[in-house]
Every structure is written in structure tokens, then in C-alpha cells.
Amino acid sequence: MDYKELDDPVEEVYRIRAALLEEHGGFHNYQKYIEETRSKWETMGFRRAELRL
């Protein structure tokens, strides 16, 4: 994947999301990848936002 930053930040976010979904084969596979690597991300200081209804 060639990186080219776009002038429109919203379009940039959509481009990155589309590339991630394509790389992992769809939303459910990407979600599974995030769950499997969650401890690695938390060790680096990232936290996952939880939606509370």
C-alpha cells in the first residue's frame, strides 16, 4: 500500500479504514485481529473505547 496523505482529513480517515478492512478481509476479521492483539496495544498505552448503551 502506497501512502499519500490527502488534503481532506475526513477523506484520509476513510481511506485508512478502507485499507485496513481490505487488508484483513472485512470488518469481522479486523475486529477479531484487534481482540487478538488487544494486550499488545494496551501495553503500548492504547485503550479501547467501549460503547455503553
PDB file of N, CA and C in Angstrom:
ATOM      1  N   MET A   1       0.857  -1.173   0.000  1.00  0.00           N
ATOM      2  CA  MET A   1       0.000   0.000   0.000  1.00  0.00           C
ATOM      3  C   MET A   1       0.896   1.227   0.000  1.00  0.00           C
ATOM      4  N   ASP A   2       0.736   2.071  -0.999  1.00  0.00           N
ATOM      5  CA  ASP A   2       1.487   3.321  -1.072  1.00  0.00           C
ATOM      6  C   ASP A   2       0.777   4.382  -0.249  1.00  0.00           C
ATOM      7  N   TYR A   3       1.557   5.086   0.572  1.00  0.00           N
ATOM      8  CA  TYR A   3       0.983   6.111   1.431  1.00  0.00           C
ATOM      9  C   TYR A   3       1.057   7.456   0.740  1.00  0.00           C
ATOM     10  N   LYS A   4      -0.060   8.155   0.689  1.00  0.00           N
ATOM     11  CA  LYS A   4      -0.109   9.510   0.172  1.00  0.00           C
ATOM     12  C   LYS A   4      -1.111  10.274   1.013  1.00  0.00           C
ATOM     13  N   GLU A   5      -0.642  11.208   1.805  1.00  0.00           N
ATOM     14  CA  GLU A   5      -1.532  11.972   2.665  1.00  0.00           C
ATOM     15  C   GLU A   5      -2.417  12.874   1.812  1.00  0.00           C
ATOM     16  N   LEU A   6      -3.687  12.908   2.151  1.00  0.00           N
ATOM     17  CA  LEU A   6      -4.648  13.712   1.407  1.00  0.00           C
ATOM     18  C   LEU A   6      -4.853  15.063   2.089  1.00  0.00           C
ATOM     19  N   ASP A   7      -5.362  16.019   1.344  1.00  0.00           N
ATOM     20  CA  ASP A   7      -5.629  17.349   1.900  1.00  0.00           C
ATOM     21  C   ASP A   7      -6.833  17.340   2.832  1.00  0.00           C
ATOM     22  N   ASP A   8      -7.789  16.471   2.571  1.00  0.00           N
ATOM     23  CA  ASP A   8      -9.012  16.406   3.365  1.00  0.00           C
ATOM     24  C   ASP A   8      -8.846  15.348   4.458  1.00  0.00           C
ATOM     25  N   PRO A   9      -8.811  15.750   5.734  1.00  0.00           N
ATOM     26  CA  PRO A   9      -8.588  14.764   6.800  1.00  0.00           C
ATOM     27  C   PRO A   9      -9.699  13.717   6.905  1.00  0.00           C
ATOM     28  N   VAL A  10     -10.927  14.080   6.594  1.00  0.00           N
ATOM     29  CA  VAL A  10     -12.025  13.110   6.647  1.00  0.00           C
ATOM     30  C   VAL A  10     -11.823  12.046   5.574  1.00  0.00           C
ATOM     31  N   GLU A  11     -11.447  12.471   4.391  1.00  0.00           N
ATOM     32  CA  GLU A  11     -11.182  11.527   3.309  1.00  0.00           C
ATOM     33  C   GLU A  11      -9.995  10.632   3.661  1.00  0.00           C
ATOM     34  N   GLU A  12      -9.023  11.185   4.358  1.00  0.00           N
ATOM     35  CA  GLU A  12      -7.855  10.414   4.796  1.00  0.00           C
ATOM     36  C   GLU A  12      -8.273   9.294   5.757  1.00  0.00           C
ATOM     37  N   VAL A  13      -9.165   9.599   6.705  1.00  0.00           N
ATOM     38  CA  VAL A  13      -9.650   8.594   7.654  1.00  0.00           C
ATOM     39  C   VAL A  13     -10.380   7.475   6.909  1.00  0.00           C
ATOM     40  N   TYR A  14     -11.248   7.848   5.967  1.00  0.00           N
ATOM     41  CA  TYR A  14     -11.973   6.830   5.196  1.00  0.00           C
ATOM     42  C   TYR A  14     -11.017   5.964   4.386  1.00  0.00           C
ATOM     43  N   ARG A  15      -9.968   6.570   3.811  1.00  0.00           N
ATOM     44  CA  ARG A  15      -9.001   5.824   3.020  1.00  0.00           C
ATOM     45  C   ARG A  15      -8.266   4.815   3.898  1.00  0.00           C
ATOM     46  N   ILE A  16      -7.856   5.245   5.099  1.00  0.00           N
ATOM     47  CA  ILE A  16      -7.146   4.357   6.017  1.00  0.00           C
ATOM     48  C   ILE A  16      -8.053   3.215   6.465  1.00  0.00           C
ATOM     49  N   ARG A  17      -9.299   3.539   6.809  1.00  0.00           N
ATOM     50  CA  ARG A  17     -10.244   2.491   7.228  1.00  0.00           C
ATOM     51  C   ARG A  17     -10.489   1.489   6.116  1.00  0.00           C
ATOM     52  N   ALA A  18     -10.668   1.973   4.898  1.00  0.00           N
ATOM     53  CA  ALA A  18     -10.904   1.071   3.769  1.00  0.00           C
ATOM     54  C   ALA A  18      -9.702   0.159   3.547  1.00  0.00           C
ATOM     55  N   ALA A  19      -8.496   0.702   3.681  1.00  0.00           N
ATOM     56  CA  ALA A  19      -7.285  -0.102   3.502  1.00  0.00           C
ATOM     57  C   ALA A  19      -7.185  -1.172   4.590  1.00  0.00           C
ATOM     58  N   LEU A  20      -7.519  -0.830   5.838  1.00  0.00           N
ATOM     59  CA  LEU A  20      -7.477  -1.806   6.926  1.00  0.00           C
ATOM     60  C   LEU A  20      -8.502  -2.920   6.714  1.00  0.00           C
ATOM     61  N   LEU A  21      -9.705  -2.550   6.295  1.00  0.00           N
ATOM     62  CA  LEU A  21     -10.731  -3.561   6.051  1.00  0.00           C
ATOM     63  C   LEU A  21     -10.325  -4.481   4.910  1.00  0.00           C
ATOM     64  N   GLU A  22      -9.738  -3.918   3.871  1.00  0.00           N
ATOM     65  CA  GLU A  22      -9.293  -4.729   2.748  1.00  0.00           C
ATOM     66  C   GLU A  22      -8.148  -5.653   3.176  1.00  0.00           C
ATOM     67  N   GLU A  23      -7.232  -5.134   3.974  1.00  0.00           N
ATOM     68  CA  GLU A  23      -6.084  -5.920   4.430  1.00  0.00           C
ATOM     69  C   GLU A  23      -6.509  -7.117   5.272  1.00  0.00           C
ATOM     70  N   HIS A  24      -7.551  -6.951   6.089  1.00  0.00           N
ATOM     71  CA  HIS A  24      -7.972  -8.010   6.999  1.00  0.00           C
ATOM     72  C   HIS A  24      -9.172  -8.807   6.488  1.00  0.00           C
ATOM     73  N   GLY A  25      -9.688  -8.455   5.338  1.00  0.00           N
ATOM     74  CA  GLY A  25     -10.765  -9.234   4.746  1.00  0.00           C
ATOM     75  C   GLY A  25     -12.136  -8.934   5.315  1.00  0.00           C
ATOM     76  N   GLY A  26     -12.367  -7.703   5.715  1.00  0.00           N
ATOM     77  CA  GLY A  26     -13.689  -7.297   6.191  1.00  0.00           C
ATOM     78  C   GLY A  26     -13.699  -6.902   7.650  1.00  0.00           C
ATOM     79  N   PHE A  27     -14.828  -6.366   8.056  1.00  0.00           N
ATOM     80  CA  PHE A  27     -14.973  -5.812   9.401  1.00  0.00           C
ATOM     81  C   PHE A  27     -14.801  -6.863  10.490  1.00  0.00           C
ATOM     82  N   HIS A  28     -15.444  -8.006  10.335  1.00  0.00           N
ATOM     83  CA  HIS A  28     -15.399  -9.022  11.394  1.00  0.00           C
ATOM     84  C   HIS A  28     -13.982  -9.578  11.592  1.00  0.00           C
ATOM     85  N   ASN A  29     -13.262  -9.763  10.507  1.00  0.00           N
ATOM     86  CA  ASN A  29     -11.878 -10.228  10.632  1.00  0.00           C
ATOM     87  C   ASN A  29     -10.992  -9.158  11.267  1.00  0.00           C
ATOM     88  N   TYR A  30     -11.229  -7.888  10.921  1.00  0.00           N
ATOM     89  CA  TYR A  30     -10.456  -6.799  11.532  1.00  0.00           C
ATOM     90  C   TYR A  30     -10.750  -6.709  13.028  1.00  0.00           C
ATOM     91  N   GLN A  31     -12.010  -6.862  13.384  1.00  0.00           N
ATOM     92  CA  GLN A  31     -12.411  -6.838  14.795  1.00  0.00           C
ATOM     93  C   GLN A  31     -11.749  -7.999  15.557  1.00  0.00           C
ATOM     94  N   LYS A  32     -11.686  -9.168  14.934  1.00  0.00           N
ATOM     95  CA  LYS A  32     -11.039 -10.325  15.549  1.00  0.00           C
ATOM     96  C   LYS A  32      -9.540 -10.052  15.742  1.00  0.00           C
ATOM     97  N   TYR A  33      -8.905  -9.435  14.752  1.00  0.00           N
ATOM     98  CA  TYR A  33      -7.487  -9.071  14.860  1.00  0.00           C
ATOM     99  C   TYR A  33      -7.261  -8.121  16.037  1.00  0.00           C
ATOM    100  N   ILE A  34      -8.125  -7.135  16.187  1.00  0.00           N
ATOM    101  CA  ILE A  34      -7.994  -6.171  17.287  1.00  0.00           C
ATOM    102  C   ILE A  34      -8.116  -6.892  18.631  1.00  0.00           C
ATOM    103  N   GLU A  35      -9.073  -7.800  18.760  1.00  0.00           N
ATOM    104  CA  GLU A  35      -9.234  -8.550  20.009  1.00  0.00           C
ATOM    105  C   GLU A  35      -8.009  -9.415  20.309  1.00  0.00           C
ATOM    106  N   GLU A  36      -7.452 -10.037  19.260  1.00  0.00           N
ATOM    107  CA  GLU A  36      -6.293 -10.911  19.454  1.00  0.00           C
ATOM    108  C   GLU A  36      -5.041 -10.131  19.849  1.00  0.00           C
ATOM    109  N   THR A  37      -4.928  -8.892  19.409  1.00  0.00           N
ATOM    110  CA  THR A  37      -3.738  -8.086  19.691  1.00  0.00           C
ATOM    111  C   THR A  37      -3.994  -7.025  20.762  1.00  0.00           C
ATOM    112  N   ARG A  38      -5.122  -7.130  21.438  1.00  0.00           N
ATOM    113  CA  ARG A  38      -5.522  -6.118  22.420  1.00  0.00           C
ATOM    114  C   ARG A  38      -4.469  -5.900  23.508  1.00  0.00           C
ATOM    115  N   SER A  39      -3.898  -6.962  24.069  1.00  0.00           N
ATOM    116  CA  SER A  39      -2.922  -6.817  25.150  1.00  0.00           C
ATOM    117  C   SER A  39      -1.673  -6.085  24.663  1.00  0.00           C
ATOM    118  N   LYS A  40      -1.270  -6.334  23.420  1.00  0.00           N
ATOM    119  CA  LYS A  40      -0.112  -5.640  22.855  1.00  0.00           C
ATOM    120  C   LYS A  40      -0.370  -4.133  22.785  1.00  0.00           C
ATOM    121  N   TRP A  41      -1.562  -3.755  22.329  1.00  0.00           N
ATOM    122  CA  TRP A  41      -1.907  -2.337  22.219  1.00  0.00           C
ATOM    123  C   TRP A  41      -2.011  -1.688  23.595  1.00  0.00           C
ATOM    124  N   GLU A  42      -2.590  -2.409  24.558  1.00  0.00           N
ATOM    125  CA  GLU A  42      -2.717  -1.861  25.913  1.00  0.00           C
ATOM    126  C   GLU A  42      -1.345  -1.681  26.557  1.00  0.00           C
ATOM    127  N   THR A  43      -0.402  -2.582  26.263  1.00  0.00           N
ATOM    128  CA  THR A  43       0.962  -2.451  26.768  1.00  0.00           C
ATOM    129  C   THR A  43       1.620  -1.178  26.223  1.00  0.00           C
ATOM    130  N   MET A  44       1.278  -0.815  25.002  1.00  0.00           N
ATOM    131  CA  MET A  44       1.833   0.398  24.398  1.00  0.00           C
ATOM    132  C   MET A  44       1.118   1.659  24.885  1.00  0.00           C
ATOM    133  N   GLY A  45       0.055   1.494  25.685  1.00  0.00           N
ATOM    134  CA  GLY A  45      -0.640   2.648  26.246  1.00  0.00           C
ATOM    135  C   GLY A  45      -1.968   2.991  25.599  1.00  0.00           C
ATOM    136  N   PHE A  46      -2.385   2.219  24.602  1.00  0.00           N
ATOM    137  CA  PHE A  46      -3.666   2.473  23.958  1.00  0.00           C
ATOM    138  C   PHE A  46      -4.788   1.859  24.794  1.00  0.00           C
ATOM    139  N   ARG A  47      -5.933   2.507  24.767  1.00  0.00           N
ATOM    140  CA  ARG A  47      -7.117   1.953  25.416  1.00  0.00           C
ATOM    141  C   ARG A  47      -8.240   1.877  24.407  1.00  0.00           C
ATOM    142  N   ARG A  48      -9.037   0.867  24.522  1.00  0.00           N
ATOM    143  CA  ARG A  48     -10.154   0.682  23.613  1.00  0.00           C
ATOM    144  C   ARG A  48     -11.391   1.333  24.193  1.00  0.00           C
ATOM    145  N   ALA A  49     -12.063   2.120  23.394  1.00  0.00           N
ATOM    146  CA  ALA A  49     -13.300   2.747  23.832  1.00  0.00           C
ATOM    147  C   ALA A  49     -14.425   1.709  23.782  1.00  0.00           C
ATOM    148  N   GLU A  50     -15.203   1.642  24.813  1.00  0.00           N
ATOM    149  CA  GLU A  50     -16.343   0.735  24.875  1.00  0.00           C
ATOM    150  C   GLU A  50     -17.627   1.539  24.770  1.00  0.00           C
ATOM    151  N   LEU A  51     -18.521   1.102  23.913  1.00  0.00           N
ATOM    152  CA  LEU A  51     -19.807   1.760  23.739  1.00  0.00           C
ATOM    153  C   LEU A  51     -20.770   1.242  24.794  1.00  0.00           C
ATOM    154  N   ARG A  52     -21.287   2.145  25.593  1.00  0.00           N
ATOM    155  CA  ARG A  52     -22.244   1.751  26.626  1.00  0.00           C
ATOM    156  C   ARG A  52     -23.606   2.309  26.278  1.00  0.00           C
ATOM    157  N   LEU A  53     -24.566   1.420  26.142  1.00  0.00           N
ATOM    158  CA  LEU A  53     -25.932   1.833  25.779  1.00  0.00           C
ATOM    159  C   LEU A  53     -26.830   1.816  26.981  1.00  0.00           C
TER     160      LEU A  53
END
